[in-house]
Amino acid sequence: EISFPIVPFMRNRIVVQGISIGHRRAFERMNQAIEALGIRPVIDKVYGFDEVPQALQHLEKGPFGKIVIATS
């Protein structure tokens, strides 16, 4: 169970999204393609799961890259 302020998520249309990668072979091919094409996400800052309030404050400033919440 987690708890965090929901209003900033709704107000800013923040999306929490997981991914499903299918079977292992598809995952490996995806990673090979990402590596071959040099695809890299622009990450502004990584926060720990216990730092969600700080991450939301940062998000309100309109960062250029992605804000990441690490779950481990």
PDB file of N, CA and C in Angstrom:
ATOM      1  N   GLU A   1       0.842  -1.170   0.000  1.00  0.00           N
ATOM      2  CA  GLU A   1       0.000   0.000   0.000  1.00  0.00           C
ATOM      3  C   GLU A   1       0.889   1.235   0.000  1.00  0.00           C
ATOM      4  N   ILE A   2       0.518   2.219  -0.814  1.00  0.00           N
ATOM      5  CA  ILE A   2       1.263   3.468  -0.869  1.00  0.00           C
ATOM      6  C   ILE A   2       0.320   4.627  -0.594  1.00  0.00           C
ATOM      7  N   SER A   3       0.920   5.745  -0.231  1.00  0.00           N
ATOM      8  CA  SER A   3       0.142   6.944   0.018  1.00  0.00           C
ATOM      9  C   SER A   3       0.907   8.137  -0.541  1.00  0.00           C
ATOM     10  N   PHE A   4       0.229   8.961  -1.320  1.00  0.00           N
ATOM     11  CA  PHE A   4       0.840  10.170  -1.853  1.00  0.00           C
ATOM     12  C   PHE A   4      -0.263  11.153  -2.211  1.00  0.00           C
ATOM     13  N   PRO A   5       0.086  12.435  -2.350  1.00  0.00           N
ATOM     14  CA  PRO A   5      -0.931  13.445  -2.671  1.00  0.00           C
ATOM     15  C   PRO A   5      -1.421  13.274  -4.113  1.00  0.00           C
ATOM     16  N   ILE A   6      -2.700  13.030  -4.313  1.00  0.00           N
ATOM     17  CA  ILE A   6      -3.261  12.752  -5.634  1.00  0.00           C
ATOM     18  C   ILE A   6      -3.573  14.018  -6.435  1.00  0.00           C
ATOM     19  N   VAL A   7      -3.850  15.129  -5.763  1.00  0.00           N
ATOM     20  CA  VAL A   7      -4.266  16.351  -6.464  1.00  0.00           C
ATOM     21  C   VAL A   7      -3.227  16.818  -7.486  1.00  0.00           C
ATOM     22  N   PRO A   8      -1.920  16.884  -7.153  1.00  0.00           N
ATOM     23  CA  PRO A   8      -0.953  17.297  -8.180  1.00  0.00           C
ATOM     24  C   PRO A   8      -0.946  16.360  -9.391  1.00  0.00           C
ATOM     25  N   PHE A   9      -1.170  15.067  -9.169  1.00  0.00           N
ATOM     26  CA  PHE A   9      -1.227  14.127 -10.287  1.00  0.00           C
ATOM     27  C   PHE A   9      -2.393  14.462 -11.208  1.00  0.00           C
ATOM     28  N   MET A  10      -3.530  14.737 -10.616  1.00  0.00           N
ATOM     29  CA  MET A  10      -4.718  15.046 -11.412  1.00  0.00           C
ATOM     30  C   MET A  10      -4.583  16.409 -12.081  1.00  0.00           C
ATOM     31  N   ARG A  11      -4.130  17.398 -11.336  1.00  0.00           N
ATOM     32  CA  ARG A  11      -4.018  18.765 -11.862  1.00  0.00           C
ATOM     33  C   ARG A  11      -3.031  18.837 -13.025  1.00  0.00           C
ATOM     34  N   ASN A  12      -1.925  18.117 -12.910  1.00  0.00           N
ATOM     35  CA  ASN A  12      -0.878  18.172 -13.927  1.00  0.00           C
ATOM     36  C   ASN A  12      -0.938  17.024 -14.927  1.00  0.00           C
ATOM     37  N   ARG A  13      -1.988  16.217 -14.819  1.00  0.00           N
ATOM     38  CA  ARG A  13      -2.162  15.071 -15.724  1.00  0.00           C
ATOM     39  C   ARG A  13      -0.934  14.170 -15.727  1.00  0.00           C
ATOM     40  N   ILE A  14      -0.427  13.903 -14.544  1.00  0.00           N
ATOM     41  CA  ILE A  14       0.743  13.043 -14.386  1.00  0.00           C
ATOM     42  C   ILE A  14       0.310  11.595 -14.570  1.00  0.00           C
ATOM     43  N   VAL A  15       1.119  10.852 -15.281  1.00  0.00           N
ATOM     44  CA  VAL A  15       0.811   9.457 -15.565  1.00  0.00           C
ATOM     45  C   VAL A  15       1.818   8.558 -14.867  1.00  0.00           C
ATOM     46  N   VAL A  16       1.313   7.561 -14.179  1.00  0.00           N
ATOM     47  CA  VAL A  16       2.150   6.508 -13.610  1.00  0.00           C
ATOM     48  C   VAL A  16       1.941   5.307 -14.510  1.00  0.00           C
ATOM     49  N   GLN A  17       3.019   4.852 -15.128  1.00  0.00           N
ATOM     50  CA  GLN A  17       2.856   3.826 -16.145  1.00  0.00           C
ATOM     51  C   GLN A  17       3.885   2.723 -15.983  1.00  0.00           C
ATOM     52  N   GLY A  18       3.418   1.519 -15.992  1.00  0.00           N
ATOM     53  CA  GLY A  18       4.293   0.354 -16.032  1.00  0.00           C
ATOM     54  C   GLY A  18       4.324  -0.171 -17.454  1.00  0.00           C
ATOM     55  N   ILE A  19       5.178  -1.130 -17.705  1.00  0.00           N
ATOM     56  CA  ILE A  19       5.225  -1.708 -19.042  1.00  0.00           C
ATOM     57  C   ILE A  19       5.141  -3.223 -18.954  1.00  0.00           C
ATOM     58  N   SER A  20       4.636  -3.806 -20.008  1.00  0.00           N
ATOM     59  CA  SER A  20       4.633  -5.256 -20.161  1.00  0.00           C
ATOM     60  C   SER A  20       5.490  -5.557 -21.380  1.00  0.00           C
ATOM     61  N   ILE A  21       6.463  -6.408 -21.235  1.00  0.00           N
ATOM     62  CA  ILE A  21       7.426  -6.615 -22.315  1.00  0.00           C
ATOM     63  C   ILE A  21       7.225  -7.907 -23.083  1.00  0.00           C
ATOM     64  N   GLY A  22       6.252  -8.700 -22.697  1.00  0.00           N
ATOM     65  CA  GLY A  22       6.036  -9.951 -23.417  1.00  0.00           C
ATOM     66  C   GLY A  22       7.064 -10.999 -23.027  1.00  0.00           C
ATOM     67  N   HIS A  23       7.402 -11.850 -23.980  1.00  0.00           N
ATOM     68  CA  HIS A  23       8.334 -12.935 -23.673  1.00  0.00           C
ATOM     69  C   HIS A  23       9.785 -12.461 -23.715  1.00  0.00           C
ATOM     70  N   ARG A  24      10.664 -13.260 -23.173  1.00  0.00           N
ATOM     71  CA  ARG A  24      12.074 -12.884 -23.013  1.00  0.00           C
ATOM     72  C   ARG A  24      12.746 -12.546 -24.349  1.00  0.00           C
ATOM     73  N   ARG A  25      12.459 -13.311 -25.398  1.00  0.00           N
ATOM     74  CA  ARG A  25      13.087 -13.055 -26.698  1.00  0.00           C
ATOM     75  C   ARG A  25      12.718 -11.665 -27.219  1.00  0.00           C
ATOM     76  N   ALA A  26      11.461 -11.275 -27.060  1.00  0.00           N
ATOM     77  CA  ALA A  26      11.027  -9.944 -27.497  1.00  0.00           C
ATOM     78  C   ALA A  26      11.729  -8.862 -26.684  1.00  0.00           C
ATOM     79  N   PHE A  27      11.882  -9.099 -25.394  1.00  0.00           N
ATOM     80  CA  PHE A  27      12.575  -8.145 -24.528  1.00  0.00           C
ATOM     81  C   PHE A  27      14.028  -7.977 -24.972  1.00  0.00           C
ATOM     82  N   GLU A  28      14.690  -9.079 -25.270  1.00  0.00           N
ATOM     83  CA  GLU A  28      16.088  -9.017 -25.714  1.00  0.00           C
ATOM     84  C   GLU A  28      16.213  -8.292 -27.047  1.00  0.00           C
ATOM     85  N   ARG A  29      15.298  -8.557 -27.984  1.00  0.00           N
ATOM     86  CA  ARG A  29      15.331  -7.860 -29.274  1.00  0.00           C
ATOM     87  C   ARG A  29      15.080  -6.365 -29.099  1.00  0.00           C
ATOM     88  N   MET A  30      14.153  -6.015 -28.204  1.00  0.00           N
ATOM     89  CA  MET A  30      13.883  -4.606 -27.937  1.00  0.00           C
ATOM     90  C   MET A  30      15.142  -3.920 -27.414  1.00  0.00           C
ATOM     91  N   ASN A  31      15.821  -4.556 -26.468  1.00  0.00           N
ATOM     92  CA  ASN A  31      17.041  -3.970 -25.911  1.00  0.00           C
ATOM     93  C   ASN A  31      18.138  -3.843 -26.959  1.00  0.00           C
ATOM     94  N   GLN A  32      18.253  -4.812 -27.854  1.00  0.00           N
ATOM     95  CA  GLN A  32      19.242  -4.732 -28.934  1.00  0.00           C
ATOM     96  C   GLN A  32      18.935  -3.557 -29.857  1.00  0.00           C
ATOM     97  N   ALA A  33      17.666  -3.367 -30.182  1.00  0.00           N
ATOM     98  CA  ALA A  33      17.273  -2.253 -31.049  1.00  0.00           C
ATOM     99  C   ALA A  33      17.540  -0.911 -30.378  1.00  0.00           C
ATOM    100  N   ILE A  34      17.220  -0.808 -29.108  1.00  0.00           N
ATOM    101  CA  ILE A  34      17.481   0.429 -28.363  1.00  0.00           C
ATOM    102  C   ILE A  34      18.969   0.741 -28.365  1.00  0.00           C
ATOM    103  N   GLU A  35      19.781  -0.271 -28.125  1.00  0.00           N
ATOM    104  CA  GLU A  35      21.241  -0.089 -28.118  1.00  0.00           C
ATOM    105  C   GLU A  35      21.745   0.297 -29.506  1.00  0.00           C
ATOM    106  N   ALA A  36      21.296  -0.405 -30.549  1.00  0.00           N
ATOM    107  CA  ALA A  36      21.758  -0.147 -31.913  1.00  0.00           C
ATOM    108  C   ALA A  36      21.379   1.252 -32.389  1.00  0.00           C
ATOM    109  N   LEU A  37      20.206   1.715 -32.009  1.00  0.00           N
ATOM    110  CA  LEU A  37      19.735   3.028 -32.448  1.00  0.00           C
ATOM    111  C   LEU A  37      20.184   4.163 -31.536  1.00  0.00           C
ATOM    112  N   GLY A  38      20.786   3.811 -30.406  1.00  0.00           N
ATOM    113  CA  GLY A  38      21.262   4.838 -29.481  1.00  0.00           C
ATOM    114  C   GLY A  38      20.141   5.614 -28.813  1.00  0.00           C
ATOM    115  N   ILE A  39      19.010   4.968 -28.599  1.00  0.00           N
ATOM    116  CA  ILE A  39      17.866   5.643 -27.978  1.00  0.00           C
ATOM    117  C   ILE A  39      18.132   5.826 -26.488  1.00  0.00           C
ATOM    118  N   ARG A  40      18.036   7.049 -26.014  1.00  0.00           N
ATOM    119  CA  ARG A  40      18.247   7.357 -24.604  1.00  0.00           C
ATOM    120  C   ARG A  40      17.194   8.356 -24.146  1.00  0.00           C
ATOM    121  N   PRO A  41      16.464   8.038 -23.096  1.00  0.00           N
ATOM    122  CA  PRO A  41      15.497   9.016 -22.587  1.00  0.00           C
ATOM    123  C   PRO A  41      16.227  10.175 -21.910  1.00  0.00           C
ATOM    124  N   VAL A  42      15.608  11.317 -21.926  1.00  0.00           N
ATOM    125  CA  VAL A  42      16.164  12.473 -21.224  1.00  0.00           C
ATOM    126  C   VAL A  42      15.598  12.445 -19.807  1.00  0.00           C
ATOM    127  N   ILE A  43      16.454  12.151 -18.839  1.00  0.00           N
ATOM    128  CA  ILE A  43      16.033  12.073 -17.440  1.00  0.00           C
ATOM    129  C   ILE A  43      16.582  13.283 -16.705  1.00  0.00           C
ATOM    130  N   ASP A  44      15.684  14.071 -16.142  1.00  0.00           N
ATOM    131  CA  ASP A  44      16.088  15.256 -15.397  1.00  0.00           C
ATOM    132  C   ASP A  44      16.623  14.881 -14.027  1.00  0.00           C
ATOM    133  N   LYS A  45      15.872  14.037 -13.292  1.00  0.00           N
ATOM    134  CA  LYS A  45      16.292  13.665 -11.945  1.00  0.00           C
ATOM    135  C   LYS A  45      15.603  12.381 -11.521  1.00  0.00           C
ATOM    136  N   VAL A  46      16.307  11.598 -10.707  1.00  0.00           N
ATOM    137  CA  VAL A  46      15.765  10.364 -10.145  1.00  0.00           C
ATOM    138  C   VAL A  46      15.559  10.570  -8.650  1.00  0.00           C
ATOM    139  N   TYR A  47      14.353  10.261  -8.181  1.00  0.00           N
ATOM    140  CA  TYR A  47      14.016  10.363  -6.761  1.00  0.00           C
ATOM    141  C   TYR A  47      13.722   8.974  -6.224  1.00  0.00           C
ATOM    142  N   GLY A  48      13.959   8.788  -4.939  1.00  0.00           N
ATOM    143  CA  GLY A  48      13.559   7.563  -4.269  1.00  0.00           C
ATOM    144  C   GLY A  48      12.060   7.575  -4.029  1.00  0.00           C
ATOM    145  N   PHE A  49      11.499   6.391  -3.787  1.00  0.00           N
ATOM    146  CA  PHE A  49      10.055   6.290  -3.582  1.00  0.00           C
ATOM    147  C   PHE A  49       9.606   7.117  -2.384  1.00  0.00           C
ATOM    148  N   ASP A  50      10.487   7.268  -1.407  1.00  0.00           N
ATOM    149  CA  ASP A  50      10.154   8.060  -0.223  1.00  0.00           C
ATOM    150  C   ASP A  50      10.272   9.563  -0.476  1.00  0.00           C
ATOM    151  N   GLU A  51      10.672   9.955  -1.681  1.00  0.00           N
ATOM    152  CA  GLU A  51      10.851  11.368  -2.022  1.00  0.00           C
ATOM    153  C   GLU A  51       9.781  11.881  -2.993  1.00  0.00           C
ATOM    154  N   VAL A  52       8.645  11.212  -3.063  1.00  0.00           N
ATOM    155  CA  VAL A  52       7.582  11.618  -3.990  1.00  0.00           C
ATOM    156  C   VAL A  52       7.180  13.083  -3.806  1.00  0.00           C
ATOM    157  N   PRO A  53       7.012  13.592  -2.570  1.00  0.00           N
ATOM    158  CA  PRO A  53       6.645  15.014  -2.442  1.00  0.00           C
ATOM    159  C   PRO A  53       7.669  15.958  -3.091  1.00  0.00           C
ATOM    160  N   GLN A  54       8.960  15.673  -2.921  1.00  0.00           N
ATOM    161  CA  GLN A  54       9.988  16.504  -3.548  1.00  0.00           C
ATOM    162  C   GLN A  54       9.930  16.377  -5.071  1.00  0.00           C
ATOM    163  N   ALA A  55       9.671  15.170  -5.557  1.00  0.00           N
ATOM    164  CA  ALA A  55       9.567  14.960  -7.003  1.00  0.00           C
ATOM    165  C   ALA A  55       8.403  15.759  -7.583  1.00  0.00           C
ATOM    166  N   LEU A  56       7.292  15.809  -6.864  1.00  0.00           N
ATOM    167  CA  LEU A  56       6.140  16.581  -7.328  1.00  0.00           C
ATOM    168  C   LEU A  56       6.448  18.073  -7.356  1.00  0.00           C
ATOM    169  N   GLN A  57       7.183  18.553  -6.359  1.00  0.00           N
ATOM    170  CA  GLN A  57       7.584  19.964  -6.354  1.00  0.00           C
ATOM    171  C   GLN A  57       8.477  20.259  -7.553  1.00  0.00           C
ATOM    172  N   HIS A  58       9.399  19.362  -7.829  1.00  0.00           N
ATOM    173  CA  HIS A  58      10.293  19.520  -8.974  1.00  0.00           C
ATOM    174  C   HIS A  58       9.481  19.522 -10.272  1.00  0.00           C
ATOM    175  N   LEU A  59       8.508  18.634 -10.363  1.00  0.00           N
ATOM    176  CA  LEU A  59       7.685  18.521 -11.559  1.00  0.00           C
ATOM    177  C   LEU A  59       6.913  19.803 -11.831  1.00  0.00           C
ATOM    178  N   GLU A  60       6.484  20.485 -10.780  1.00  0.00           N
ATOM    179  CA  GLU A  60       5.739  21.737 -10.957  1.00  0.00           C
ATOM    180  C   GLU A  60       6.593  22.835 -11.579  1.00  0.00           C
ATOM    181  N   LYS A  61       7.917  22.703 -11.506  1.00  0.00           N
ATOM    182  CA  LYS A  61       8.817  23.692 -12.102  1.00  0.00           C
ATOM    183  C   LYS A  61       8.946  23.509 -13.610  1.00  0.00           C
ATOM    184  N   GLY A  62       8.389  22.408 -14.144  1.00  0.00           N
ATOM    185  CA  GLY A  62       8.426  22.181 -15.588  1.00  0.00           C
ATOM    186  C   GLY A  62       9.784  21.730 -16.089  1.00  0.00           C
ATOM    187  N   PRO A  63      10.311  20.628 -15.572  1.00  0.00           N
ATOM    188  CA  PRO A  63      11.628  20.167 -16.008  1.00  0.00           C
ATOM    189  C   PRO A  63      11.624  19.786 -17.485  1.00  0.00           C
ATOM    190  N   PHE A  64      12.794  19.828 -18.108  1.00  0.00           N
ATOM    191  CA  PHE A  64      12.919  19.461 -19.520  1.00  0.00           C
ATOM    192  C   PHE A  64      12.762  17.960 -19.716  1.00  0.00           C
ATOM    193  N   GLY A  65      13.431  17.184 -18.862  1.00  0.00           N
ATOM    194  CA  GLY A  65      13.412  15.730 -19.007  1.00  0.00           C
ATOM    195  C   GLY A  65      12.408  15.066 -18.092  1.00  0.00           C
ATOM    196  N   LYS A  66      12.513  13.761 -18.044  1.00  0.00           N
ATOM    197  CA  LYS A  66      11.618  12.950 -17.225  1.00  0.00           C
ATOM    198  C   LYS A  66      12.033  13.000 -15.761  1.00  0.00           C
ATOM    199  N   ILE A  67      11.048  12.908 -14.896  1.00  0.00           N
ATOM    200  CA  ILE A  67      11.278  12.745 -13.465  1.00  0.00           C
ATOM    201  C   ILE A  67      10.991  11.280 -13.168  1.00  0.00           C
ATOM    202  N   VAL A  68      11.955  10.599 -12.574  1.00  0.00           N
ATOM    203  CA  VAL A  68      11.840   9.163 -12.327  1.00  0.00           C
ATOM    204  C   VAL A  68      11.702   8.914 -10.834  1.00  0.00           C
ATOM    205  N   ILE A  69      10.775   8.030 -10.470  1.00  0.00           N
ATOM    206  CA  ILE A  69      10.626   7.578  -9.088  1.00  0.00           C
ATOM    207  C   ILE A  69      11.142   6.148  -9.037  1.00  0.00           C
ATOM    208  N   ALA A  70      12.249   5.946  -8.342  1.00  0.00           N
ATOM    209  CA  ALA A  70      12.831   4.607  -8.210  1.00  0.00           C
ATOM    210  C   ALA A  70      12.074   3.843  -7.137  1.00  0.00           C
ATOM    211  N   THR A  71      11.699   2.619  -7.437  1.00  0.00           N
ATOM    212  CA  THR A  71      10.922   1.826  -6.487  1.00  0.00           C
ATOM    213  C   THR A  71      11.786   0.907  -5.649  1.00  0.00           C
ATOM    214  N   SER A  72      13.067   0.882  -5.891  1.00  0.00           N
ATOM    215  CA  SER A  72      13.949   0.044  -5.062  1.00  0.00           C
ATOM    216  C   SER A  72      15.271   0.731  -4.831  1.00  0.00           C
TER     217      SER A  72
END
